[in-house]
PDB file of N, CA and C in Angstrom:
ATOM      1  N   MET A   1      82.211  62.896  96.744  1.00  0.00           N
ATOM      2  CA  MET A   1      81.394  63.646  95.630  1.00  0.00           C
ATOM      3  C   MET A   1      82.157  65.213  95.493  1.00  0.00           C
ATOM      4  N   ARG A   2      82.508  65.628  94.433  1.00  0.00           N
ATOM      5  CA  ARG A   2      83.032  66.895  94.127  1.00  0.00           C
ATOM      6  C   ARG A   2      81.942  67.914  93.516  1.00  0.00           C
ATOM      7  N   ARG A   3      81.354  68.507  94.466  1.00  0.00           N
ATOM      8  CA  ARG A   3      80.163  69.451  93.982  1.00  0.00           C
ATOM      9  C   ARG A   3      80.096  70.398  95.040  1.00  0.00           C
ATOM     10  N   ILE A   4      79.766  71.761  94.587  1.00  0.00           N
ATOM     11  CA  ILE A   4      79.629  72.810  95.621  1.00  0.00           C
ATOM     12  C   ILE A   4      78.198  72.649  96.363  1.00  0.00           C
ATOM     13  N   ILE A   5      78.343  72.715  97.632  1.00  0.00           N
ATOM     14  CA  ILE A   5      77.135  72.197  98.575  1.00  0.00           C
ATOM     15  C   ILE A   5      76.666  73.664  99.007  1.00  0.00           C
ATOM     16  N   THR A   6      77.654  74.336  99.496  1.00  0.00           N
ATOM     17  CA  THR A   6      77.226  75.867 100.028  1.00  0.00           C
ATOM     18  C   THR A   6      78.231  76.861  99.284  1.00  0.00           C
ATOM     19  N   HIS A   7      77.565  77.925  99.179  1.00  0.00           N
ATOM     20  CA  HIS A   7      78.634  79.091  98.683  1.00  0.00           C
ATOM     21  C   HIS A   7      78.198  80.375  99.340  1.00  0.00           C
ATOM     22  N   PRO A   8      79.157  81.252  99.576  1.00  0.00           N
ATOM     23  CA  PRO A   8      78.787  82.566 100.497  1.00  0.00           C
ATOM     24  C   PRO A   8      78.118  83.571  99.762  1.00  0.00           C
ATOM     25  N   ILE A   9      77.965  83.274  98.242  1.00  0.00           N
ATOM     26  CA  ILE A   9      77.523  84.539  97.637  1.00  0.00           C
ATOM     27  C   ILE A   9      76.007  83.741  96.908  1.00  0.00           C
ATOM     28  N   PHE A  10      76.146  82.639  96.167  1.00  0.00           N
ATOM     29  CA  PHE A  10      75.279  81.934  95.489  1.00  0.00           C
ATOM     30  C   PHE A  10      74.322  81.116  96.335  1.00  0.00           C
ATOM     31  N   ASN A  11      73.138  81.071  95.965  1.00  0.00           N
ATOM     32  CA  ASN A  11      72.112  79.960  96.570  1.00  0.00           C
ATOM     33  C   ASN A  11      72.554  78.909  95.965  1.00  0.00           C
ATOM     34  N   VAL A  12      72.761  77.737  96.452  1.00  0.00           N
ATOM     35  CA  VAL A  12      72.862  76.508  96.026  1.00  0.00           C
ATOM     36  C   VAL A  12      71.593  75.713  96.322  1.00  0.00           C
ATOM     37  N   GLU A  13      70.638  75.423  95.271  1.00  0.00           N
ATOM     38  CA  GLU A  13      69.574  74.665  95.568  1.00  0.00           C
ATOM     39  C   GLU A  13      69.649  73.458  95.263  1.00  0.00           C
ATOM     40  N   LYS A  14      69.018  72.662  96.001  1.00  0.00           N
ATOM     41  CA  LYS A  14      69.104  71.179  95.857  1.00  0.00           C
ATOM     42  C   LYS A  14      67.816  70.762  94.966  1.00  0.00           C
ATOM     43  N   THR A  15      68.149  69.994  93.883  1.00  0.00           N
ATOM     44  CA  THR A  15      66.896  69.590  93.109  1.00  0.00           C
ATOM     45  C   THR A  15      66.820  68.150  93.226  1.00  0.00           C
ATOM     46  N   LYS A  16      65.778  67.702  92.476  1.00  0.00           N
ATOM     47  CA  LYS A  16      65.498  66.306  92.368  1.00  0.00           C
ATOM     48  C   LYS A  16      66.771  65.513  91.639  1.00  0.00           C
ATOM     49  N   THR A  17      67.129  64.402  92.126  1.00  0.00           N
ATOM     50  CA  THR A  17      68.317  63.634  91.341  1.00  0.00           C
ATOM     51  C   THR A  17      67.764  62.648  90.457  1.00  0.00           C
ATOM     52  N   VAL A  18      68.738  62.402  89.318  1.00  0.00           N
ATOM     53  CA  VAL A  18      68.386  61.491  88.499  1.00  0.00           C
ATOM     54  C   VAL A  18      69.485  60.465  88.191  1.00  0.00           C
ATOM     55  N   ARG A  19      69.120  59.324  87.744  1.00  0.00           N
ATOM     56  CA  ARG A  19      70.381  58.285  87.354  1.00  0.00           C
ATOM     57  C   ARG A  19      70.639  58.236  85.912  1.00  0.00           C
ATOM     58  N   PHE A  20      71.934  57.814  85.931  1.00  0.00           N
ATOM     59  CA  PHE A  20      72.303  57.786  84.598  1.00  0.00           C
ATOM     60  C   PHE A  20      73.389  56.907  84.635  1.00  0.00           C
ATOM     61  N   PHE A  21      73.788  56.276  83.368  1.00  0.00           N
ATOM     62  CA  PHE A  21      75.080  55.394  83.099  1.00  0.00           C
ATOM     63  C   PHE A  21      76.257  55.762  82.576  1.00  0.00           C
ATOM     64  N   PHE A  22      77.361  55.631  83.186  1.00  0.00           N
ATOM     65  CA  PHE A  22      78.629  56.027  82.487  1.00  0.00           C
ATOM     66  C   PHE A  22      79.231  54.814  82.417  1.00  0.00           C
ATOM     67  N   GLU A  23      79.486  54.222  81.031  1.00  0.00           N
ATOM     68  CA  GLU A  23      80.000  52.903  80.733  1.00  0.00           C
ATOM     69  C   GLU A  23      79.741  51.900  81.602  1.00  0.00           C
ATOM     70  N   GLY A  24      78.349  51.888  81.710  1.00  0.00           N
ATOM     71  CA  GLY A  24      77.824  50.646  82.663  1.00  0.00           C
ATOM     72  C   GLY A  24      77.480  50.955  83.943  1.00  0.00           C
ATOM     73  N   ARG A  25      78.227  51.951  84.591  1.00  0.00           N
ATOM     74  CA  ARG A  25      78.218  52.278  85.936  1.00  0.00           C
ATOM     75  C   ARG A  25      77.049  53.160  86.257  1.00  0.00           C
ATOM     76  N   GLU A  26      76.138  52.851  86.959  1.00  0.00           N
ATOM     77  CA  GLU A  26      74.942  53.898  87.546  1.00  0.00           C
ATOM     78  C   GLU A  26      75.523  55.090  88.394  1.00  0.00           C
ATOM     79  N   LEU A  27      75.272  56.210  88.000  1.00  0.00           N
ATOM     80  CA  LEU A  27      75.661  57.524  88.656  1.00  0.00           C
ATOM     81  C   LEU A  27      74.498  58.389  88.877  1.00  0.00           C
ATOM     82  N   GLU A  28      74.644  59.148  89.877  1.00  0.00           N
ATOM     83  CA  GLU A  28      73.668  60.308  90.143  1.00  0.00           C
ATOM     84  C   GLU A  28      74.018  61.593  89.807  1.00  0.00           C
ATOM     85  N   ALA A  29      73.083  62.317  89.409  1.00  0.00           N
ATOM     86  CA  ALA A  29      73.314  63.839  89.038  1.00  0.00           C
ATOM     87  C   ALA A  29      72.002  64.497  89.358  1.00  0.00           C
ATOM     88  N   PHE A  30      72.061  65.712  89.402  1.00  0.00           N
ATOM     89  CA  PHE A  30      71.033  66.647  89.713  1.00  0.00           C
ATOM     90  C   PHE A  30      70.333  67.082  88.622  1.00  0.00           C
ATOM     91  N   GLU A  31      69.079  67.026  88.587  1.00  0.00           N
ATOM     92  CA  GLU A  31      68.226  67.514  87.312  1.00  0.00           C
ATOM     93  C   GLU A  31      68.698  68.855  86.952  1.00  0.00           C
ATOM     94  N   GLY A  32      68.766  69.128  85.674  1.00  0.00           N
ATOM     95  CA  GLY A  32      69.232  70.458  85.114  1.00  0.00           C
ATOM     96  C   GLY A  32      70.709  70.602  85.120  1.00  0.00           C
ATOM     97  N   GLU A  33      71.472  69.499  85.196  1.00  0.00           N
ATOM     98  CA  GLU A  33      72.961  69.732  85.387  1.00  0.00           C
ATOM     99  C   GLU A  33      73.414  69.365  83.999  1.00  0.00           C
ATOM    100  N   THR A  34      74.534  69.639  83.539  1.00  0.00           N
ATOM    101  CA  THR A  34      75.264  69.034  82.283  1.00  0.00           C
ATOM    102  C   THR A  34      75.856  67.712  82.707  1.00  0.00           C
ATOM    103  N   ILE A  35      76.058  67.003  81.620  1.00  0.00           N
ATOM    104  CA  ILE A  35      76.737  65.643  81.808  1.00  0.00           C
ATOM    105  C   ILE A  35      78.065  65.845  82.142  1.00  0.00           C
ATOM    106  N   ALA A  36      78.876  67.007  81.674  1.00  0.00           N
ATOM    107  CA  ALA A  36      80.250  67.134  82.359  1.00  0.00           C
ATOM    108  C   ALA A  36      80.314  67.504  83.642  1.00  0.00           C
ATOM    109  N   ALA A  37      79.473  68.344  84.305  1.00  0.00           N
ATOM    110  CA  ALA A  37      78.977  68.566  85.637  1.00  0.00           C
ATOM    111  C   ALA A  37      79.011  67.380  86.425  1.00  0.00           C
ATOM    112  N   ALA A  38      78.118  66.539  86.015  1.00  0.00           N
ATOM    113  CA  ALA A  38      77.682  65.332  86.852  1.00  0.00           C
ATOM    114  C   ALA A  38      78.981  64.340  86.739  1.00  0.00           C
ATOM    115  N   LEU A  39      79.719  64.246  85.720  1.00  0.00           N
ATOM    116  CA  LEU A  39      80.756  63.512  85.609  1.00  0.00           C
ATOM    117  C   LEU A  39      81.831  63.995  86.696  1.00  0.00           C
ATOM    118  N   VAL A  40      82.157  65.133  86.497  1.00  0.00           N
ATOM    119  CA  VAL A  40      83.261  65.587  87.539  1.00  0.00           C
ATOM    120  C   VAL A  40      82.741  65.519  88.937  1.00  0.00           C
ATOM    121  N   ALA A  41      81.360  65.756  89.233  1.00  0.00           N
ATOM    122  CA  ALA A  41      80.956  65.601  90.562  1.00  0.00           C
ATOM    123  C   ALA A  41      81.003  64.235  91.121  1.00  0.00           C
ATOM    124  N   ASN A  42      81.018  63.266  90.206  1.00  0.00           N
ATOM    125  CA  ASN A  42      81.214  61.889  90.423  1.00  0.00           C
ATOM    126  C   ASN A  42      82.689  61.163  90.382  1.00  0.00           C
ATOM    127  N   GLY A  43      83.690  62.536  90.269  1.00  0.00           N
ATOM    128  CA  GLY A  43      85.093  61.949  90.188  1.00  0.00           C
ATOM    129  C   GLY A  43      85.296  61.703  88.752  1.00  0.00           C
ATOM    130  N   ILE A  44      84.822  61.654  87.790  1.00  0.00           N
ATOM    131  CA  ILE A  44      85.370  61.381  86.445  1.00  0.00           C
ATOM    132  C   ILE A  44      85.912  62.451  85.781  1.00  0.00           C
ATOM    133  N   ASP A  45      87.156  62.474  85.360  1.00  0.00           N
ATOM    134  CA  ASP A  45      87.699  63.631  84.698  1.00  0.00           C
ATOM    135  C   ASP A  45      88.205  63.559  83.253  1.00  0.00           C
ATOM    136  N   VAL A  46      88.103  62.145  82.798  1.00  0.00           N
ATOM    137  CA  VAL A  46      88.787  61.793  81.611  1.00  0.00           C
ATOM    138  C   VAL A  46      87.446  61.499  80.826  1.00  0.00           C
ATOM    139  N   PHE A  47      87.045  62.295  79.899  1.00  0.00           N
ATOM    140  CA  PHE A  47      85.713  62.144  78.933  1.00  0.00           C
ATOM    141  C   PHE A  47      85.967  61.288  77.566  1.00  0.00           C
ATOM    142  N   GLY A  48      87.286  61.174  77.235  1.00  0.00           N
ATOM    143  CA  GLY A  48      87.873  60.508  76.232  1.00  0.00           C
ATOM    144  C   GLY A  48      89.263  60.760  75.752  1.00  0.00           C
ATOM    145  N   MET A  49      89.538  60.166  74.514  1.00  0.00           N
ATOM    146  CA  MET A  49      91.069  60.175  74.076  1.00  0.00           C
ATOM    147  C   MET A  49      91.085  60.832  72.705  1.00  0.00           C
ATOM    148  N   THR A  50      92.297  61.440  72.573  1.00  0.00           N
ATOM    149  CA  THR A  50      92.653  61.925  71.284  1.00  0.00           C
ATOM    150  C   THR A  50      92.943  60.708  70.231  1.00  0.00           C
ATOM    151  N   GLU A  51      93.031  61.019  69.040  1.00  0.00           N
ATOM    152  CA  GLU A  51      93.616  59.885  68.252  1.00  0.00           C
ATOM    153  C   GLU A  51      95.209  59.474  68.542  1.00  0.00           C
ATOM    154  N   GLN A  52      95.882  60.454  69.256  1.00  0.00           N
ATOM    155  CA  GLN A  52      97.156  60.130  69.622  1.00  0.00           C
ATOM    156  C   GLN A  52      97.197  59.650  71.261  1.00  0.00           C
ATOM    157  N   SER A  53      95.884  59.200  71.634  1.00  0.00           N
ATOM    158  CA  SER A  53      95.939  58.598  72.893  1.00  0.00           C
ATOM    159  C   SER A  53      96.045  59.506  74.183  1.00  0.00           C
ATOM    160  N   ARG A  54      95.900  60.732  73.917  1.00  0.00           N
ATOM    161  CA  ARG A  54      95.827  61.816  75.050  1.00  0.00           C
ATOM    162  C   ARG A  54      94.413  61.829  75.364  1.00  0.00           C
ATOM    163  N   PRO A  55      94.529  62.048  76.947  1.00  0.00           N
ATOM    164  CA  PRO A  55      93.166  62.374  77.695  1.00  0.00           C
ATOM    165  C   PRO A  55      92.535  63.471  77.118  1.00  0.00           C
ATOM    166  N   ARG A  56      91.002  63.708  77.226  1.00  0.00           N
ATOM    167  CA  ARG A  56      90.382  64.556  76.750  1.00  0.00           C
ATOM    168  C   ARG A  56      89.337  64.971  77.833  1.00  0.00           C
ATOM    169  N   GLY A  57      89.079  66.033  78.560  1.00  0.00           N
ATOM    170  CA  GLY A  57      88.103  66.301  79.440  1.00  0.00           C
ATOM    171  C   GLY A  57      87.358  67.709  79.501  1.00  0.00           C
ATOM    172  N   PHE A  58      86.928  68.036  80.681  1.00  0.00           N
ATOM    173  CA  PHE A  58      86.183  69.242  80.639  1.00  0.00           C
ATOM    174  C   PHE A  58      87.320  70.693  80.441  1.00  0.00           C
ATOM    175  N   TYR A  59      86.919  71.448  79.437  1.00  0.00           N
ATOM    176  CA  TYR A  59      87.950  72.562  79.364  1.00  0.00           C
ATOM    177  C   TYR A  59      87.144  73.913  79.324  1.00  0.00           C
ATOM    178  N   CYS A  60      86.341  74.053  78.025  1.00  0.00           N
ATOM    179  CA  CYS A  60      85.819  75.548  77.945  1.00  0.00           C
ATOM    180  C   CYS A  60      84.426  75.669  78.564  1.00  0.00           C
ATOM    181  N   ALA A  61      83.726  74.649  78.766  1.00  0.00           N
ATOM    182  CA  ALA A  61      82.234  74.733  79.337  1.00  0.00           C
ATOM    183  C   ALA A  61      81.422  75.612  78.541  1.00  0.00           C
ATOM    184  N   ILE A  62      81.524  75.959  77.392  1.00  0.00           N
ATOM    185  CA  ILE A  62      80.571  76.450  76.697  1.00  0.00           C
ATOM    186  C   ILE A  62      80.317  76.067  75.251  1.00  0.00           C
ATOM    187  N   GLY A  63      80.680  74.606  75.139  1.00  0.00           N
ATOM    188  CA  GLY A  63      80.725  73.890  73.853  1.00  0.00           C
ATOM    189  C   GLY A  63      81.388  74.365  72.815  1.00  0.00           C
ATOM    190  N   LYS A  64      82.498  75.047  72.896  1.00  0.00           N
ATOM    191  CA  LYS A  64      83.210  75.365  71.735  1.00  0.00           C
ATOM    192  C   LYS A  64      84.580  74.800  71.401  1.00  0.00           C
ATOM    193  N   CYS A  65      85.167  73.804  72.327  1.00  0.00           N
ATOM    194  CA  CYS A  65      86.526  73.422  72.127  1.00  0.00           C
ATOM    195  C   CYS A  65      86.571  71.952  71.666  1.00  0.00           C
ATOM    196  N   SER A  66      85.489  71.175  71.862  1.00  0.00           N
ATOM    197  CA  SER A  66      85.587  69.683  71.565  1.00  0.00           C
ATOM    198  C   SER A  66      86.195  68.755  72.320  1.00  0.00           C
ATOM    199  N   SER A  67      86.511  69.404  73.575  1.00  0.00           N
ATOM    200  CA  SER A  67      87.283  68.538  74.473  1.00  0.00           C
ATOM    201  C   SER A  67      86.302  67.523  75.117  1.00  0.00           C
ATOM    202  N   CYS A  68      85.302  67.790  75.243  1.00  0.00           N
ATOM    203  CA  CYS A  68      84.342  67.127  76.049  1.00  0.00           C
ATOM    204  C   CYS A  68      83.195  66.085  75.169  1.00  0.00           C
ATOM    205  N   LEU A  69      83.593  66.002  73.995  1.00  0.00           N
ATOM    206  CA  LEU A  69      82.823  65.082  73.059  1.00  0.00           C
ATOM    207  C   LEU A  69      82.804  63.806  73.546  1.00  0.00           C
ATOM    208  N   MET A  70      81.536  63.126  73.788  1.00  0.00           N
ATOM    209  CA  MET A  70      81.298  61.762  74.240  1.00  0.00           C
ATOM    210  C   MET A  70      80.255  61.157  73.456  1.00  0.00           C
ATOM    211  N   ILE A  71      80.079  59.837  73.615  1.00  0.00           N
ATOM    212  CA  ILE A  71      79.035  58.987  73.032  1.00  0.00           C
ATOM    213  C   ILE A  71      77.949  59.023  74.094  1.00  0.00           C
ATOM    214  N   VAL A  72      76.639  59.510  73.626  1.00  0.00           N
ATOM    215  CA  VAL A  72      75.483  59.610  74.523  1.00  0.00           C
ATOM    216  C   VAL A  72      74.307  58.887  73.809  1.00  0.00           C
ATOM    217  N   ASP A  73      73.850  57.824  74.316  1.00  0.00           N
ATOM    218  CA  ASP A  73      72.798  56.996  73.972  1.00  0.00           C
ATOM    219  C   ASP A  73      73.068  56.417  72.538  1.00  0.00           C
ATOM    220  N   ASP A  74      74.216  56.288  72.257  1.00  0.00           N
ATOM    221  CA  ASP A  74      74.809  55.671  70.814  1.00  0.00           C
ATOM    222  C   ASP A  74      74.945  56.860  70.101  1.00  0.00           C
ATOM    223  N   VAL A  75      74.999  58.157  70.200  1.00  0.00           N
ATOM    224  CA  VAL A  75      75.142  59.249  69.345  1.00  0.00           C
ATOM    225  C   VAL A  75      76.627  59.807  69.514  1.00  0.00           C
ATOM    226  N   PRO A  76      77.542  59.765  68.697  1.00  0.00           N
ATOM    227  CA  PRO A  76      78.896  60.310  68.848  1.00  0.00           C
ATOM    228  C   PRO A  76      78.801  61.756  68.965  1.00  0.00           C
ATOM    229  N   ASN A  77      79.754  62.351  69.014  1.00  0.00           N
ATOM    230  CA  ASN A  77      80.277  63.739  69.190  1.00  0.00           C
ATOM    231  C   ASN A  77      79.157  64.619  69.835  1.00  0.00           C
ATOM    232  N   VAL A  78      78.775  64.240  70.946  1.00  0.00           N
ATOM    233  CA  VAL A  78      77.948  65.122  71.952  1.00  0.00           C
ATOM    234  C   VAL A  78      78.610  65.812  72.930  1.00  0.00           C
ATOM    235  N   ARG A  79      78.453  67.196  72.888  1.00  0.00           N
ATOM    236  CA  ARG A  79      79.195  68.107  73.775  1.00  0.00           C
ATOM    237  C   ARG A  79      78.393  67.917  75.138  1.00  0.00           C
ATOM    238  N   SER A  80      79.204  67.367  75.849  1.00  0.00           N
ATOM    239  CA  SER A  80      78.684  66.917  77.320  1.00  0.00           C
ATOM    240  C   SER A  80      78.746  67.997  78.204  1.00  0.00           C
ATOM    241  N   CYS A  81      79.436  69.174  77.923  1.00  0.00           N
ATOM    242  CA  CYS A  81      79.563  70.450  78.717  1.00  0.00           C
ATOM    243  C   CYS A  81      78.355  71.420  78.490  1.00  0.00           C
ATOM    244  N   ILE A  82      77.471  71.187  77.505  1.00  0.00           N
ATOM    245  CA  ILE A  82      76.207  71.769  77.275  1.00  0.00           C
ATOM    246  C   ILE A  82      74.931  71.015  77.169  1.00  0.00           C
ATOM    247  N   THR A  83      75.169  69.595  77.197  1.00  0.00           N
ATOM    248  CA  THR A  83      73.938  68.832  77.022  1.00  0.00           C
ATOM    249  C   THR A  83      73.494  68.208  78.598  1.00  0.00           C
ATOM    250  N   LEU A  84      72.234  68.616  78.814  1.00  0.00           N
ATOM    251  CA  LEU A  84      71.731  68.186  80.086  1.00  0.00           C
ATOM    252  C   LEU A  84      71.579  66.585  80.271  1.00  0.00           C
ATOM    253  N   VAL A  85      71.987  66.061  81.559  1.00  0.00           N
ATOM    254  CA  VAL A  85      71.932  64.783  81.843  1.00  0.00           C
ATOM    255  C   VAL A  85      70.412  64.468  82.177  1.00  0.00           C
ATOM    256  N   LYS A  86      69.837  63.233  81.578  1.00  0.00           N
ATOM    257  CA  LYS A  86      68.451  62.944  81.641  1.00  0.00           C
ATOM    258  C   LYS A  86      68.378  61.376  82.262  1.00  0.00           C
ATOM    259  N   GLU A  87      67.360  61.190  82.749  1.00  0.00           N
ATOM    260  CA  GLU A  87      67.194  59.931  83.664  1.00  0.00           C
ATOM    261  C   GLU A  87      67.300  58.533  82.563  1.00  0.00           C
ATOM    262  N   GLY A  88      68.332  57.875  82.971  1.00  0.00           N
ATOM    263  CA  GLY A  88      68.568  56.575  82.025  1.00  0.00           C
ATOM    264  C   GLY A  88      69.316  56.758  80.844  1.00  0.00           C
ATOM    265  N   MET A  89      69.981  57.772  80.949  1.00  0.00           N
ATOM    266  CA  MET A  89      70.893  58.179  79.802  1.00  0.00           C
ATOM    267  C   MET A  89      72.129  57.355  79.958  1.00  0.00           C
ATOM    268  N   LYS A  90      72.616  57.018  78.702  1.00  0.00           N
ATOM    269  CA  LYS A  90      73.866  56.091  78.753  1.00  0.00           C
ATOM    270  C   LYS A  90      75.042  56.945  78.032  1.00  0.00           C
ATOM    271  N   VAL A  91      76.159  57.093  78.785  1.00  0.00           N
ATOM    272  CA  VAL A  91      77.281  57.949  78.488  1.00  0.00           C
ATOM    273  C   VAL A  91      78.478  57.032  78.154  1.00  0.00           C
ATOM    274  N   LYS A  92      79.300  57.154  77.374  1.00  0.00           N
ATOM    275  CA  LYS A  92      80.547  56.543  77.143  1.00  0.00           C
ATOM    276  C   LYS A  92      81.601  57.497  76.747  1.00  0.00           C
ATOM    277  N   ARG A  93      82.850  57.138  76.985  1.00  0.00           N
ATOM    278  CA  ARG A  93      83.952  57.874  76.659  1.00  0.00           C
ATOM    279  C   ARG A  93      84.069  57.798  74.897  1.00  0.00           C
ATOM    280  N   GLN A  94      84.673  58.754  74.266  1.00  0.00           N
ATOM    281  CA  GLN A  94      84.782  58.740  72.932  1.00  0.00           C
ATOM    282  C   GLN A  94      86.249  58.870  72.491  1.00  0.00           C
ATOM    283  N   ILE A  95      86.731  57.806  71.569  1.00  0.00           N
ATOM    284  CA  ILE A  95      88.095  57.660  71.349  1.00  0.00           C
ATOM    285  C   ILE A  95      88.083  58.209  69.877  1.00  0.00           C
ATOM    286  N   GLY A  96      89.091  59.177  69.810  1.00  0.00           N
ATOM    287  CA  GLY A  96      89.206  60.246  68.415  1.00  0.00           C
ATOM    288  C   GLY A  96      87.979  60.819  68.262  1.00  0.00           C
ATOM    289  N   ARG A  97      87.682  60.883  66.995  1.00  0.00           N
ATOM    290  CA  ARG A  97      86.665  61.778  66.417  1.00  0.00           C
ATOM    291  C   ARG A  97      85.300  61.182  66.380  1.00  0.00           C
ATOM    292  N   GLY A  98      85.187  59.937  66.714  1.00  0.00           N
ATOM    293  CA  GLY A  98      83.829  59.405  66.785  1.00  0.00           C
ATOM    294  C   GLY A  98      83.337  58.933  65.366  1.00  0.00           C
ATOM    295  N   GLU A  99      82.653  57.883  65.332  1.00  0.00           N
ATOM    296  CA  GLU A  99      81.939  57.366  64.062  1.00  0.00           C
ATOM    297  C   GLU A  99      80.758  57.714  63.946  1.00  0.00           C
ATOM    298  N   ILE A 100      80.376  58.518  62.731  1.00  0.00           N
ATOM    299  CA  ILE A 100      78.978  58.945  62.297  1.00  0.00           C
ATOM    300  C   ILE A 100      78.475  57.776  61.689  1.00  0.00           C
ATOM    301  N   THR A 101      77.319  57.421  62.019  1.00  0.00           N
ATOM    302  CA  THR A 101      76.543  56.310  61.210  1.00  0.00           C
ATOM    303  C   THR A 101      75.095  56.894  60.785  1.00  0.00           C
ATOM    304  N   TRP A 102      75.037  56.352  59.448  1.00  0.00           N
ATOM    305  CA  TRP A 102      73.622  57.115  58.699  1.00  0.00           C
ATOM    306  C   TRP A 102      72.768  56.200  58.636  1.00  0.00           C
TER     307      TRP A 102
END
């Protein structure tokens, strides 16, 4: 797992864990953690692909760049870097711009 456990300056608090699903695989995250942080902590760096088949992932971490767009609970174009993970959430990689359904 790739997560900061101790830090010389900041107090790293252990919180309750939640379970969520990434492409059918059950993963664990800390409550209050973003989807992107939880995925990186679980060793997942590629969050989707561009229309040209180039990998996308965690980049700006403030919801501005669109590199972290994913499909969350069947909703496309969710910014995983600013969306908190929730118990039972289903997350999938997004290919291209994502389909908007009305």
